[in-house]
């Protein structure tokens, strides 16, 4: 028995002796004494029994606590999925209290780690719930502050899945925010073009869209995106309709301006409208260009111009007539202006014709006249070249008849150059006339009408010119032949008589002809005299034939005649 129990035994023995002494003094019987001792022993036994029972219960409690600790550790380890981390701890070593003390720090560490893991789960699930609520458009959902956590499954695998889901939601949110930003940008651009209240418009879709301080808190729900998309489609359709309306009004403005010859400075006020006529919807971006105000102002202007149009139509009809006449005159076509104007006056005064229809009809006539003018353009250009060549031909004829053309004087070198160019041009006249004739015939065959130039058939003019030109060429040839005969006769006379007579001047040419050719009047006189000389040549030739004079070129000369040898 341990020494620690000796004091209690000594005490019990001393108490028993003291009890014996007391009994002796009292005089208790042995039976009473045995009875009391038995009762005392029974009471001690009961005390020990209760103590053992209590101790046994305490042991069971420790076992229960140890079992619960182990169970909690295993549950936490299983929930965290970290079995490998706690495999080094052995069970059943040491007393119960030692085992409990050994598991206590482990349990506390696991509880701490579980709390951290739970907090991490709560954080990620709270964020997931928040973004999900934003996407769903529910704002802060009821479960946003108290997400449901399954504490029996807190493994890193589940956490990784939650983080992946959270990342996907973040990407989805970013895409939706970008879509919202793009939609707002498109609506803002449309608001600039069509001049409507941007903030008020987007506020009606969702208040957060009009509050710039919200930042990332802007609504990104499916409903918001759908309403933004519908709004953009509606605004684009409205933009298209306004542009189409303004383009129609712009065309009407230009038509009315052209009809009434509106000055440029008055047209500038609506230049922003007329510039839209050839623009596509995507090209229109100027501020207020499609506003209701611009549309209304343009409609008012068109109405006013239509009011003024009636008083201007009569003037415009005669202006169109003048334009038509000018086109015909420009291409040398015949038109009876007085009769046409009289017909117009009668139509206008009769009130039986719509002036707008009449004006439209005259516009059609102008178009046809321009087409006719265009079809005649190539021929008219060739006619101008032919006329110029004919004028140069006449000038060259006059120039070559002037015997003083080589006399030194002012402008001689210019005339020489002109004559050189004129000869080249005159040489091209036959081919020029031939080409022009072919062109005119082809035109008449295609159109089925005669080509008139200043009321005269151009083919007739060409034929007449060809005949006259042939006659002039024949005259020139005959005059050259007469001159050659005269020179040959002079050579024969010189051979017979030993002297050569002075060449005869053209008939009617005086000794002061040189002085006449110096001045412009002198040149004209010399030209006329030259023409008379040609006529004299013809008269002498005819006279010689009538008097049976044998031409010199048919006279038989002796073989030793110097002229014969020279030939």
Protein backbone atom coordinates (compact mmCIF):
# COMPACT_ATOMS: atom_id res chain seq x y z
CA UNK A 1 0.00 0.00 0.00
CA UNK A 2 1.45 3.39 -0.87
CA UNK A 3 2.61 5.58 1.87
CA UNK A 4 0.17 8.24 0.93
CA UNK A 5 -2.63 6.11 2.40
CA UNK A 6 -1.09 5.78 5.89
CA UNK A 7 -2.42 9.03 7.25
CA UNK A 8 -5.98 8.03 6.41
CA UNK A 9 -5.50 4.57 7.98
CA UNK A 10 -4.03 6.07 11.07
CA UNK A 11 -6.88 8.44 11.26
CA UNK A 12 -9.47 5.69 10.81
CA UNK A 13 -7.79 3.55 13.52
CA UNK A 14 -7.56 6.46 15.94
CA UNK A 15 -11.17 7.26 15.30
CA UNK A 16 -12.11 3.59 15.85
CA UNK A 17 -10.18 3.55 19.16
CA UNK A 18 -11.80 6.77 20.15
CA UNK A 19 -15.16 5.20 19.30
CA UNK A 20 -14.32 2.14 21.39
CA UNK A 21 -13.45 4.35 24.34
CA UNK A 22 -16.71 6.21 23.97
CA UNK A 23 -18.67 2.94 23.77
CA UNK A 24 -16.90 1.68 26.83
CA UNK A 25 -17.80 4.81 28.73
CA UNK A 26 -21.35 4.53 27.53
CA UNK A 27 -21.50 0.88 28.18
CA UNK A 28 -22.67 -0.28 24.84
CA UNK A 29 -23.18 -3.93 24.39
CA UNK A 30 -21.15 -5.99 22.02
CA UNK A 31 -24.15 -6.54 19.78
CA UNK A 32 -24.73 -2.87 19.42
CA UNK A 33 -21.12 -2.35 18.81
CA UNK A 34 -21.04 -5.04 16.07
CA UNK A 35 -24.15 -3.59 14.55
CA UNK A 36 -22.66 -0.10 14.41
CA UNK A 37 -19.39 -1.41 12.97
CA UNK A 38 -21.26 -3.33 10.31
CA UNK A 39 -23.25 -0.22 9.45
CA UNK A 40 -20.08 1.80 9.32
CA UNK A 41 -18.41 -0.74 7.04
CA UNK A 42 -21.48 -0.76 4.78
CA UNK A 43 -21.41 3.03 4.53
CA UNK A 44 -17.70 2.97 3.60
CA UNK A 45 -18.38 0.34 0.98
CA UNK A 46 -21.12 2.46 -0.51
CA UNK A 47 -18.81 5.43 -0.67
CA UNK A 48 -16.15 3.40 -2.44
CA UNK A 49 -18.71 1.91 -4.76
CA UNK A 50 -20.02 5.37 -5.72
CA UNK A 51 -16.50 6.57 -6.27
CA UNK A 52 -15.67 3.62 -8.50
CA UNK A 53 -18.87 4.17 -10.42
CA UNK A 54 -18.15 7.81 -10.89
CA UNK A 55 -14.63 6.99 -11.95
CA UNK A 56 -15.92 4.39 -14.40
CA UNK A 57 -18.28 6.99 -15.86
CA UNK A 58 -15.47 9.46 -16.14
CA UNK A 59 -13.45 6.84 -18.00
CA UNK A 60 -16.35 6.27 -20.37
CA UNK A 61 -16.61 10.00 -20.83
CA UNK A 62 -12.94 10.16 -21.73
CA UNK A 63 -13.42 7.28 -24.14
CA UNK A 64 -16.41 9.11 -25.64
CA UNK A 65 -14.47 12.32 -25.88
CA UNK A 66 -11.54 10.55 -27.48
CA UNK A 67 -13.86 8.79 -29.91
CA UNK A 68 -15.59 12.06 -30.78
CA UNK A 69 -12.25 13.74 -31.22
CA UNK A 70 -11.08 10.99 -33.53
CA UNK A 71 -14.40 11.08 -35.35
CA UNK A 72 -14.25 14.87 -35.77
CA UNK A 73 -10.64 14.64 -36.92
CA UNK A 74 -11.56 11.98 -39.44
CA UNK A 75 -14.61 13.98 -40.58
CA UNK A 76 -12.59 17.17 -41.01
CA UNK A 77 -9.79 15.30 -42.76
CA UNK A 78 -12.35 13.66 -45.05
CA UNK A 79 -14.08 17.00 -45.70
CA UNK A 80 -10.77 18.70 -46.48
CA UNK A 81 -9.60 15.70 -48.48
CA UNK A 82 -6.23 15.62 -46.69
CA UNK A 83 -5.94 12.02 -45.53
CA UNK A 84 -2.29 11.83 -46.47
CA UNK A 85 -1.42 14.74 -44.19
CA UNK A 86 -2.61 12.95 -41.02
CA UNK A 87 -1.55 9.37 -41.72
CA UNK A 88 1.49 9.80 -39.45
CA UNK A 89 -0.61 10.02 -36.25
CA UNK A 90 -1.08 6.62 -34.49
CA UNK A 91 -4.09 5.70 -32.41
CA UNK A 92 -4.19 3.86 -28.95
CA UNK A 93 -0.83 5.00 -27.55
CA UNK A 94 -0.70 6.29 -23.93
CA UNK A 95 -3.49 6.87 -21.41
CA UNK A 96 -6.78 8.30 -22.37
CA UNK A 97 -5.85 11.74 -21.15
CA UNK A 98 -2.54 11.53 -22.99
CA UNK A 99 -4.31 10.53 -26.16
CA UNK A 100 -6.81 13.34 -25.74
CA UNK A 101 -4.04 15.83 -25.09
CA UNK A 102 -2.18 14.51 -28.14
CA UNK A 103 -5.25 14.94 -30.43
CA UNK A 104 -6.23 18.33 -29.05
CA UNK A 105 -3.73 20.46 -31.08
CA UNK A 106 -4.44 18.37 -34.15
CA UNK A 107 -8.15 18.98 -33.79
CA UNK A 108 -7.65 22.68 -33.18
CA UNK A 109 -5.43 22.93 -36.26
CA UNK A 110 -7.99 21.05 -38.35
CA UNK A 111 -10.80 23.20 -37.06
CA UNK A 112 -8.84 26.30 -37.97
CA UNK A 113 -8.09 24.95 -41.42
CA UNK A 114 -11.69 23.96 -41.87
CA UNK A 115 -12.81 27.44 -40.87
CA UNK A 116 -10.40 28.97 -43.36
CA UNK A 117 -11.62 26.58 -46.07
CA UNK A 118 -15.23 27.36 -45.22
CA UNK A 119 -14.49 31.09 -45.37
CA UNK A 120 -12.84 30.56 -48.75
CA UNK A 121 -15.88 28.64 -49.95
CA UNK A 122 -18.16 31.35 -48.60
CA UNK A 123 -16.17 34.05 -50.36
CA UNK A 124 -16.11 32.33 -53.75
CA UNK A 125 -19.75 31.29 -53.52
CA UNK A 126 -20.75 34.77 -52.46
CA UNK A 127 -19.01 36.19 -55.53
CA UNK A 128 -20.62 33.54 -57.72
CA UNK A 129 -24.00 34.36 -56.24
CA UNK A 130 -23.36 38.08 -56.77
CA UNK A 131 -22.40 37.73 -60.45
CA UNK A 132 -25.21 35.23 -61.05
CA UNK A 133 -27.65 37.72 -59.57
CA UNK A 134 -26.26 40.46 -61.86
CA UNK A 135 -26.61 38.24 -64.90
CA UNK A 136 -30.08 37.15 -63.87
CA UNK A 137 -31.02 40.75 -63.22
CA UNK A 138 -32.22 40.07 -59.68
CA UNK A 139 -29.93 42.56 -57.97
CA UNK A 140 -28.86 41.26 -54.55
CA UNK A 141 -30.49 37.86 -54.22
CA UNK A 142 -31.85 36.57 -50.88
CA UNK A 143 -29.03 34.08 -50.59
CA UNK A 144 -26.33 36.57 -51.53
CA UNK A 145 -25.17 37.11 -47.88
CA UNK A 146 -25.68 33.49 -46.67
CA UNK A 147 -24.68 31.04 -49.38
CA UNK A 148 -25.25 27.34 -48.63
CA UNK A 149 -22.01 25.47 -47.85
CA UNK A 150 -21.72 21.68 -47.73
CA UNK A 151 -19.20 21.35 -44.87
CA UNK A 152 -18.85 17.63 -45.54
CA UNK A 153 -17.20 18.31 -48.87
CA UNK A 154 -14.61 21.07 -48.67
CA UNK A 155 -11.97 19.45 -50.86
CA UNK A 156 -9.67 21.43 -53.09
CA UNK A 157 -11.26 19.74 -56.10
CA UNK A 158 -14.64 21.27 -55.29
CA UNK A 159 -12.97 24.60 -54.53
CA UNK A 160 -11.16 24.46 -57.89
CA UNK A 161 -14.46 23.76 -59.65
CA UNK A 162 -16.04 26.72 -57.90
CA UNK A 163 -13.11 28.93 -58.85
CA UNK A 164 -13.38 27.76 -62.45
CA UNK A 165 -17.08 28.52 -62.43
CA UNK A 166 -16.37 31.89 -60.89
CA UNK A 167 -13.79 32.59 -63.61
CA UNK A 168 -16.31 31.70 -66.28
CA UNK A 169 -18.86 33.99 -64.69
CA UNK A 170 -16.27 36.77 -64.55
CA UNK A 171 -15.58 36.31 -68.28
CA UNK A 172 -19.30 36.27 -68.96
CA UNK A 173 -19.70 39.45 -66.95
CA UNK A 174 -16.81 41.10 -68.79
CA UNK A 175 -18.37 40.18 -72.15
CA UNK A 176 -21.73 41.50 -71.06
CA UNK A 177 -20.19 44.72 -69.77
CA UNK A 178 -18.46 45.13 -73.11
CA UNK A 179 -21.73 44.50 -74.93
CA UNK A 180 -23.48 47.04 -72.73
CA UNK A 181 -20.69 49.55 -73.38
CA UNK A 182 -20.89 48.93 -77.15
CA UNK A 183 -24.67 49.28 -77.11
CA UNK A 184 -24.45 52.50 -75.11
CA UNK A 185 -21.83 53.83 -77.51
CA UNK A 186 -24.06 53.03 -80.49
CA UNK A 187 -27.05 54.67 -78.82
CA UNK A 188 -24.94 57.72 -77.98
CA UNK A 189 -23.80 58.03 -81.61
CA UNK A 190 -27.40 57.76 -82.77
CA UNK A 191 -28.46 60.35 -80.19
CA UNK A 192 -25.87 62.77 -81.60
CA UNK A 193 -27.10 62.26 -85.17
CA UNK A 194 -30.82 62.38 -84.33
CA UNK A 195 -30.59 64.83 -81.38
CA UNK A 196 -32.49 62.99 -78.64
CA UNK A 197 -31.79 62.80 -74.86
CA UNK A 198 -29.31 59.96 -74.43
CA UNK A 199 -29.43 59.74 -70.62
CA UNK A 200 -33.21 59.83 -70.48
CA UNK A 201 -33.47 57.13 -73.12
CA UNK A 202 -31.11 54.67 -71.44
CA UNK A 203 -32.54 55.47 -67.99
CA UNK A 204 -35.87 54.10 -69.16
CA UNK A 205 -34.16 50.78 -69.85
CA UNK A 206 -32.32 50.62 -66.50
CA UNK A 207 -31.42 53.40 -64.04
CA UNK A 208 -27.86 52.14 -63.66
CA UNK A 209 -27.15 52.85 -67.34
CA UNK A 210 -27.62 56.60 -66.95
CA UNK A 211 -25.52 56.90 -63.77
CA UNK A 212 -21.87 57.16 -64.68
CA UNK A 213 -20.85 56.66 -61.02
CA UNK A 214 -22.15 53.09 -61.11
CA UNK A 215 -19.18 51.93 -63.17
CA UNK A 216 -19.09 48.14 -63.18
CA UNK A 217 -22.47 48.02 -61.40
CA UNK A 218 -24.27 48.72 -64.68
CA UNK A 219 -26.99 46.22 -65.39
CA UNK A 220 -25.80 43.30 -67.50
CA UNK A 221 -28.88 41.10 -67.34
CA UNK A 222 -30.37 39.34 -70.32
CA UNK A 223 -33.36 41.64 -70.13
CA UNK A 224 -31.17 44.75 -70.24
CA UNK A 225 -29.14 43.46 -73.17
CA UNK A 226 -32.30 42.49 -75.04
CA UNK A 227 -33.89 45.89 -74.46
CA UNK A 228 -30.70 47.67 -75.53
CA UNK A 229 -30.60 45.57 -78.70
CA UNK A 230 -34.24 46.33 -79.46
CA UNK A 231 -33.64 50.03 -78.85
CA UNK A 232 -30.66 50.10 -81.20
CA UNK A 233 -32.61 48.30 -83.92
CA UNK A 234 -35.49 50.72 -83.47
CA UNK A 235 -33.19 53.75 -83.58
CA UNK A 236 -31.38 52.45 -86.67
CA UNK A 237 -34.70 51.91 -88.39
CA UNK A 238 -35.75 55.41 -87.39
CA UNK A 239 -32.42 56.76 -88.67
CA UNK A 240 -32.98 54.99 -91.99
CA UNK A 241 -36.48 56.43 -92.29
CA UNK A 242 -35.33 59.96 -91.46
CA UNK A 243 -32.44 59.72 -93.92
CA UNK A 244 -34.75 58.47 -96.66
CA UNK A 245 -37.22 61.28 -95.94
CA UNK A 246 -34.47 63.93 -95.95
CA UNK A 247 -33.00 62.51 -99.16
CA UNK A 248 -36.40 62.78 -100.83
CA UNK A 249 -36.82 66.33 -99.53
CA UNK A 250 -33.26 67.17 -100.65
CA UNK A 251 -33.99 65.96 -104.19
CA UNK A 252 -37.19 68.01 -104.21
CA UNK A 253 -35.23 71.05 -103.00
CA UNK A 254 -32.66 70.70 -105.75
CA UNK A 255 -35.39 70.23 -108.36
CA UNK A 256 -37.26 73.30 -107.15
CA UNK A 257 -34.06 75.35 -106.88
CA UNK A 258 -33.10 74.43 -110.42
CA UNK A 259 -36.58 75.22 -111.66
CA UNK A 260 -36.57 78.64 -110.05
CA UNK A 261 -32.86 79.40 -110.49
CA UNK A 262 -32.40 79.88 -106.77
CA UNK A 263 -29.08 81.65 -106.00
CA UNK A 264 -26.26 79.65 -104.43
CA UNK A 265 -26.22 81.75 -101.25
CA UNK A 266 -29.86 80.78 -100.57
CA UNK A 267 -29.13 77.11 -101.18
CA UNK A 268 -26.32 77.04 -98.62
CA UNK A 269 -28.85 77.10 -95.75
CA UNK A 270 -29.89 73.55 -96.65
CA UNK A 271 -26.54 72.29 -97.80
CA UNK A 272 -26.52 69.87 -94.85
CA UNK A 273 -29.65 68.28 -96.34
CA UNK A 274 -28.57 68.09 -99.98
CA UNK A 275 -25.25 66.58 -98.95
CA UNK A 276 -27.16 63.58 -97.59
CA UNK A 277 -28.65 62.63 -100.97
CA UNK A 278 -25.78 60.33 -101.95
CA UNK A 279 -24.90 59.25 -98.38
CA UNK A 280 -25.52 55.80 -96.94
CA UNK A 281 -26.85 55.28 -93.42
CA UNK A 282 -23.45 54.39 -92.01
CA UNK A 283 -21.85 57.50 -93.51
CA UNK A 284 -24.21 59.91 -91.72
CA UNK A 285 -22.58 60.93 -88.41
CA UNK A 286 -22.71 64.73 -88.24
CA UNK A 287 -24.36 66.14 -85.13
CA UNK A 288 -28.06 66.88 -85.58
CA UNK A 289 -28.05 65.98 -89.28
CA UNK A 290 -31.13 63.74 -88.83
CA UNK A 291 -32.85 65.65 -86.05
CA UNK A 292 -36.58 66.27 -86.05
CA UNK A 293 -35.86 69.98 -86.24
CA UNK A 294 -33.86 69.56 -89.47
CA UNK A 295 -36.63 67.41 -90.91
CA UNK A 296 -39.33 69.92 -90.04
CA UNK A 297 -37.34 72.90 -91.37
CA UNK A 298 -36.75 71.10 -94.67
CA UNK A 299 -40.43 70.20 -95.00
CA UNK A 300 -41.41 73.84 -94.42
CA UNK A 301 -38.91 75.02 -97.04
CA UNK A 302 -40.23 72.53 -99.61
CA UNK A 303 -43.81 73.66 -98.94
CA UNK A 304 -42.85 77.31 -99.42
CA UNK A 305 -40.98 76.56 -102.64
CA UNK A 306 -43.97 74.61 -103.95
CA UNK A 307 -46.12 77.65 -103.23
CA UNK A 308 -43.75 79.88 -105.24
CA UNK A 309 -43.39 77.26 -107.96
CA UNK A 310 -46.79 77.99 -109.54
CA UNK A 311 -45.91 81.64 -110.17
CA UNK A 312 -42.57 80.68 -111.67
CA UNK A 313 -43.64 77.91 -114.02
CA UNK A 314 -44.68 80.19 -116.88
CA UNK A 315 -41.35 81.95 -116.79
CA UNK A 316 -39.59 78.60 -116.60
CA UNK A 317 -41.46 77.26 -119.62
CA UNK A 318 -40.17 80.09 -121.81
CA UNK A 319 -36.73 79.71 -120.32
CA UNK A 320 -36.78 76.02 -121.34
CA UNK A 321 -37.87 77.09 -124.82
CA UNK A 322 -34.92 79.48 -125.04
CA UNK A 323 -32.62 76.69 -123.90
CA UNK A 324 -34.06 74.38 -126.55
CA UNK A 325 -33.57 77.00 -129.25
CA UNK A 326 -30.01 77.59 -128.09
CA UNK A 327 -29.24 73.86 -128.38
CA UNK A 328 -30.60 73.74 -131.93
CA UNK A 329 -28.75 76.89 -132.95
CA UNK A 330 -25.54 75.51 -131.49
CA UNK A 331 -25.68 72.53 -133.84
CA UNK A 332 -27.07 74.48 -136.86
CA UNK A 333 -30.50 72.80 -136.75
CA UNK A 334 -33.60 74.54 -138.11
CA UNK A 335 -36.30 75.56 -135.61
CA UNK A 336 -39.19 77.97 -136.02
CA UNK A 337 -38.85 79.91 -132.74
CA UNK A 338 -41.77 82.29 -133.33
CA UNK A 339 -44.25 79.52 -134.11
CA UNK A 340 -43.08 77.43 -131.13
CA UNK A 341 -43.44 80.34 -128.73
CA UNK A 342 -46.89 81.15 -130.10
CA UNK A 343 -47.99 77.57 -129.44
CA UNK A 344 -46.68 77.78 -125.85
CA UNK A 345 -48.54 81.03 -125.25
CA UNK A 346 -51.76 79.50 -126.55
CA UNK A 347 -51.36 76.43 -124.30
CA UNK A 348 -50.66 78.51 -121.19
CA UNK A 349 -53.54 80.91 -121.85
CA UNK A 350 -55.99 78.06 -122.47
CA UNK A 351 -55.59 76.69 -118.90
CA UNK A 352 -56.11 73.22 -120.35
CA UNK A 353 -52.62 72.01 -119.63
CA UNK A 354 -50.74 71.42 -116.41
CA UNK A 355 -47.68 73.66 -116.42
CA UNK A 356 -45.69 71.06 -114.54
CA UNK A 357 -46.47 68.49 -117.24
CA UNK A 358 -45.64 71.03 -119.91
CA UNK A 359 -42.34 71.80 -118.20
CA UNK A 360 -41.60 68.09 -117.93
CA UNK A 361 -42.42 67.67 -121.61
CA UNK A 362 -40.04 70.46 -122.50
CA UNK A 363 -37.36 68.86 -120.36
CA UNK A 364 -37.85 65.70 -122.40
CA UNK A 365 -37.53 67.74 -125.59
CA UNK A 366 -34.30 69.25 -124.28
CA UNK A 367 -32.97 65.79 -123.51
CA UNK A 368 -33.82 64.62 -127.02
CA UNK A 369 -32.32 67.79 -128.50
CA UNK A 370 -29.12 67.16 -126.60
CA UNK A 371 -29.08 63.59 -127.87
CA UNK A 372 -29.55 64.86 -131.44
CA UNK A 373 -26.84 67.44 -130.89
CA UNK A 374 -24.54 64.75 -129.56
CA UNK A 375 -25.23 62.56 -132.60
CA UNK A 376 -24.32 65.52 -134.89
CA UNK A 377 -21.23 66.52 -132.91
CA UNK A 378 -18.72 64.41 -134.84
CA UNK A 379 -20.07 65.57 -138.20
CA UNK A 380 -20.18 69.22 -137.13
CA UNK A 381 -16.57 69.07 -136.01
CA UNK A 382 -15.61 67.77 -139.46
CA UNK A 383 -17.76 70.50 -141.05
CA UNK A 384 -15.88 73.17 -139.11
CA UNK A 385 -12.56 71.71 -140.25
CA UNK A 386 -13.82 71.61 -143.85
CA UNK A 387 -15.06 75.22 -143.69
CA UNK A 388 -11.75 76.36 -142.25
CA UNK A 389 -9.89 74.48 -144.99
CA UNK A 390 -12.15 76.08 -147.63
CA UNK A 391 -11.43 79.55 -146.24
CA UNK A 392 -7.72 78.81 -146.33
CA UNK A 393 -8.14 77.58 -149.92
CA UNK A 394 -9.78 80.87 -150.94
CA UNK A 395 -7.07 82.83 -149.20
CA UNK A 396 -4.38 80.76 -150.93
CA UNK A 397 -6.00 81.39 -154.33
CA UNK A 398 -5.95 85.14 -153.70
CA UNK A 399 -2.41 84.95 -152.38
CA UNK A 400 -1.08 83.02 -155.39
CA UNK A 401 -2.70 85.49 -157.85
CA UNK A 402 -0.86 88.33 -156.15
CA UNK A 403 2.34 88.87 -158.24
CA UNK A 404 3.79 91.06 -155.51
CA UNK A 405 3.50 88.42 -152.80
CA UNK A 406 7.29 88.02 -152.64
CA UNK A 407 7.96 91.75 -152.52
CA UNK A 408 9.77 92.68 -149.33
CA UNK A 409 7.41 94.22 -146.88
CA UNK A 410 5.75 93.88 -143.55
CA UNK A 411 4.17 90.47 -142.91
CA UNK A 412 5.64 88.71 -145.96
CA UNK A 413 7.28 85.96 -143.92
CA UNK A 414 4.00 85.36 -142.05
CA UNK A 415 2.12 85.03 -145.33
CA UNK A 416 4.74 82.60 -146.60
CA UNK A 417 4.33 80.41 -143.54
CA UNK A 418 0.57 80.61 -143.78
CA UNK A 419 0.67 79.73 -147.48
CA UNK A 420 2.85 76.71 -146.71
CA UNK A 421 0.40 75.46 -144.07
CA UNK A 422 -2.55 76.30 -146.33
CA UNK A 423 -1.14 74.19 -149.19
CA UNK A 424 -0.81 71.21 -146.86
CA UNK A 425 -4.35 71.72 -145.58
CA UNK A 426 -5.81 72.24 -149.09
CA UNK A 427 -4.19 69.01 -150.16
CA UNK A 428 -6.26 67.21 -147.53
CA UNK A 429 -9.59 68.73 -148.63
CA UNK A 430 -10.58 65.91 -151.05
CA UNK A 431 -10.11 63.21 -148.40
CA UNK A 432 -11.77 65.51 -145.87
CA UNK A 433 -14.83 65.95 -148.10
CA UNK A 434 -14.94 62.25 -148.89
CA UNK A 435 -14.82 61.30 -145.18
CA UNK A 436 -17.44 63.91 -144.29
CA UNK A 437 -19.73 62.72 -147.09
CA UNK A 438 -19.46 59.12 -145.86
CA UNK A 439 -20.24 60.22 -142.31
CA UNK A 440 -23.30 62.20 -143.41
CA UNK A 441 -24.64 59.35 -145.51
CA UNK A 442 -24.21 56.91 -142.65
CA UNK A 443 -25.99 59.34 -140.28
CA UNK A 444 -28.88 59.85 -142.69
CA UNK A 445 -29.19 56.10 -143.22
CA UNK A 446 -29.32 55.54 -139.45
CA UNK A 447 -31.71 58.39 -138.63
CA UNK A 448 -33.86 58.16 -141.76
CA UNK A 449 -33.79 61.97 -142.27
CA UNK A 450 -31.65 64.42 -144.22
CA UNK A 451 -28.77 66.10 -142.38
CA UNK A 452 -29.53 69.82 -142.57
CA UNK A 453 -26.97 72.49 -141.82
CA UNK A 454 -28.56 75.92 -141.43
CA UNK A 455 -31.69 74.72 -143.32
CA UNK A 456 -29.61 73.36 -146.22
CA UNK A 457 -28.81 69.73 -146.94
CA UNK A 458 -25.19 69.18 -146.04
CA UNK A 459 -24.77 66.54 -148.76
CA UNK A 460 -25.99 69.05 -151.34
CA UNK A 461 -23.53 71.63 -150.03
CA UNK A 462 -20.71 69.11 -150.26
CA UNK A 463 -21.64 68.10 -153.81
CA UNK A 464 -21.94 71.75 -154.87
CA UNK A 465 -18.58 72.52 -153.29
CA UNK A 466 -16.99 69.53 -155.07
CA UNK A 467 -18.32 70.71 -158.43
CA UNK A 468 -17.17 74.30 -157.86
CA UNK A 469 -13.76 73.10 -156.77
CA UNK A 470 -13.41 70.96 -159.87
CA UNK A 471 -14.38 73.97 -162.00
CA UNK A 472 -11.77 76.13 -160.25
CA UNK A 473 -9.13 73.46 -160.73
CA UNK A 474 -10.03 73.25 -164.42
CA UNK A 475 -9.76 77.04 -164.72
CA UNK A 476 -6.37 76.99 -163.06
CA UNK A 477 -5.21 74.19 -165.36
CA UNK A 478 -6.33 76.06 -168.46
CA UNK A 479 -4.68 79.28 -167.30
CA UNK A 480 -1.43 77.42 -166.65
CA UNK A 481 -1.66 75.89 -170.15
CA UNK A 482 -2.24 79.33 -171.69
CA UNK A 483 0.74 80.72 -169.84
CA UNK A 484 2.89 77.82 -171.02
CA UNK A 485 1.80 78.42 -174.62
CA UNK A 486 2.66 82.11 -174.34
CA UNK A 487 6.09 81.34 -172.99
CA UNK A 488 6.71 78.75 -175.72
CA UNK A 489 5.62 81.26 -178.38
CA UNK A 490 7.98 83.82 -176.95
CA UNK A 491 10.87 81.35 -177.13
CA UNK A 492 10.09 80.58 -180.79
CA UNK A 493 9.93 84.27 -181.65
CA UNK A 494 13.26 84.83 -180.00
CA UNK A 495 14.72 81.98 -182.04
CA UNK A 496 13.34 83.43 -185.29
CA UNK A 497 13.94 87.13 -184.74
CA UNK A 498 16.85 87.13 -182.31
CA UNK A 499 15.13 88.98 -179.52
CA UNK A 500 12.65 87.99 -176.85
CA UNK A 501 9.68 90.23 -176.31
CA UNK A 502 8.85 91.39 -172.84
CA UNK A 503 6.38 88.99 -171.29
CA UNK A 504 2.92 90.37 -171.45
CA UNK A 505 1.35 91.40 -168.28
CA UNK A 506 -2.12 90.16 -167.51
CA UNK A 507 -4.77 92.11 -169.35
CA UNK A 508 -5.69 95.30 -167.63
CA UNK A 509 -2.63 95.33 -165.33
CA UNK A 510 -1.16 98.86 -165.20
CA UNK A 511 2.42 99.87 -164.58
CA UNK A 512 1.65 100.96 -161.05
CA UNK A 513 0.22 97.55 -160.04
CA UNK A 514 3.18 97.03 -157.74
CA UNK A 515 2.32 100.12 -155.78
CA UNK A 516 -1.30 98.95 -155.53
CA UNK A 517 -0.30 95.64 -153.98
CA UNK A 518 1.55 97.32 -151.14
CA UNK A 519 -1.59 98.56 -149.38
CA UNK A 520 -4.63 96.44 -148.49
CA UNK A 521 -6.66 98.26 -151.17
CA UNK A 522 -3.82 97.67 -153.61
CA UNK A 523 -3.78 94.00 -152.81
CA UNK A 524 -7.50 93.72 -153.48
CA UNK A 525 -7.08 95.60 -156.77
CA UNK A 526 -4.21 93.35 -157.79
CA UNK A 527 -6.30 90.33 -156.96
CA UNK A 528 -9.15 91.61 -159.12
CA UNK A 529 -6.75 92.36 -161.95
CA UNK A 530 -5.36 88.86 -161.67
CA UNK A 531 -8.84 87.47 -162.01
CA UNK A 532 -9.37 89.66 -165.09
CA UNK A 533 -6.12 88.31 -166.51
CA UNK A 534 -7.40 84.77 -166.16
CA UNK A 535 -10.59 85.78 -167.93
CA UNK A 536 -8.52 87.41 -170.66
CA UNK A 537 -6.59 84.16 -171.02
CA UNK A 538 -9.83 82.32 -171.60
CA UNK A 539 -11.08 84.95 -174.07
CA UNK A 540 -7.86 84.88 -176.05
CA UNK A 541 -7.94 81.09 -176.09
CA UNK A 542 -11.49 81.03 -177.39
CA UNK A 543 -10.70 83.79 -179.88
CA UNK A 544 -7.73 81.87 -181.21
CA UNK A 545 -9.82 78.79 -181.69
CA UNK A 546 -12.53 80.76 -183.52
CA UNK A 547 -9.93 82.31 -185.89
CA UNK A 548 -8.42 78.88 -186.56
CA UNK A 549 -5.09 79.82 -185.01
CA UNK A 550 -2.97 76.73 -184.61
CA UNK A 551 -1.56 76.36 -181.13
CA UNK A 552 2.19 76.73 -180.92
CA UNK A 553 2.71 73.37 -179.34
CA UNK A 554 1.46 71.72 -182.51
CA UNK A 555 3.81 73.69 -184.86
CA UNK A 556 6.54 71.57 -186.49
CA UNK A 557 9.91 73.10 -185.81
CA UNK A 558 13.19 72.36 -187.62
CA UNK A 559 15.30 69.71 -186.06
CA UNK A 560 18.12 72.18 -185.53
CA UNK A 561 15.90 74.66 -183.73
CA UNK A 562 17.34 75.40 -180.31
CA UNK A 563 13.93 75.20 -178.65
CA UNK A 564 13.41 71.75 -180.12
CA UNK A 565 16.76 70.63 -178.88
CA UNK A 566 16.03 72.10 -175.50
CA UNK A 567 12.81 70.18 -175.22
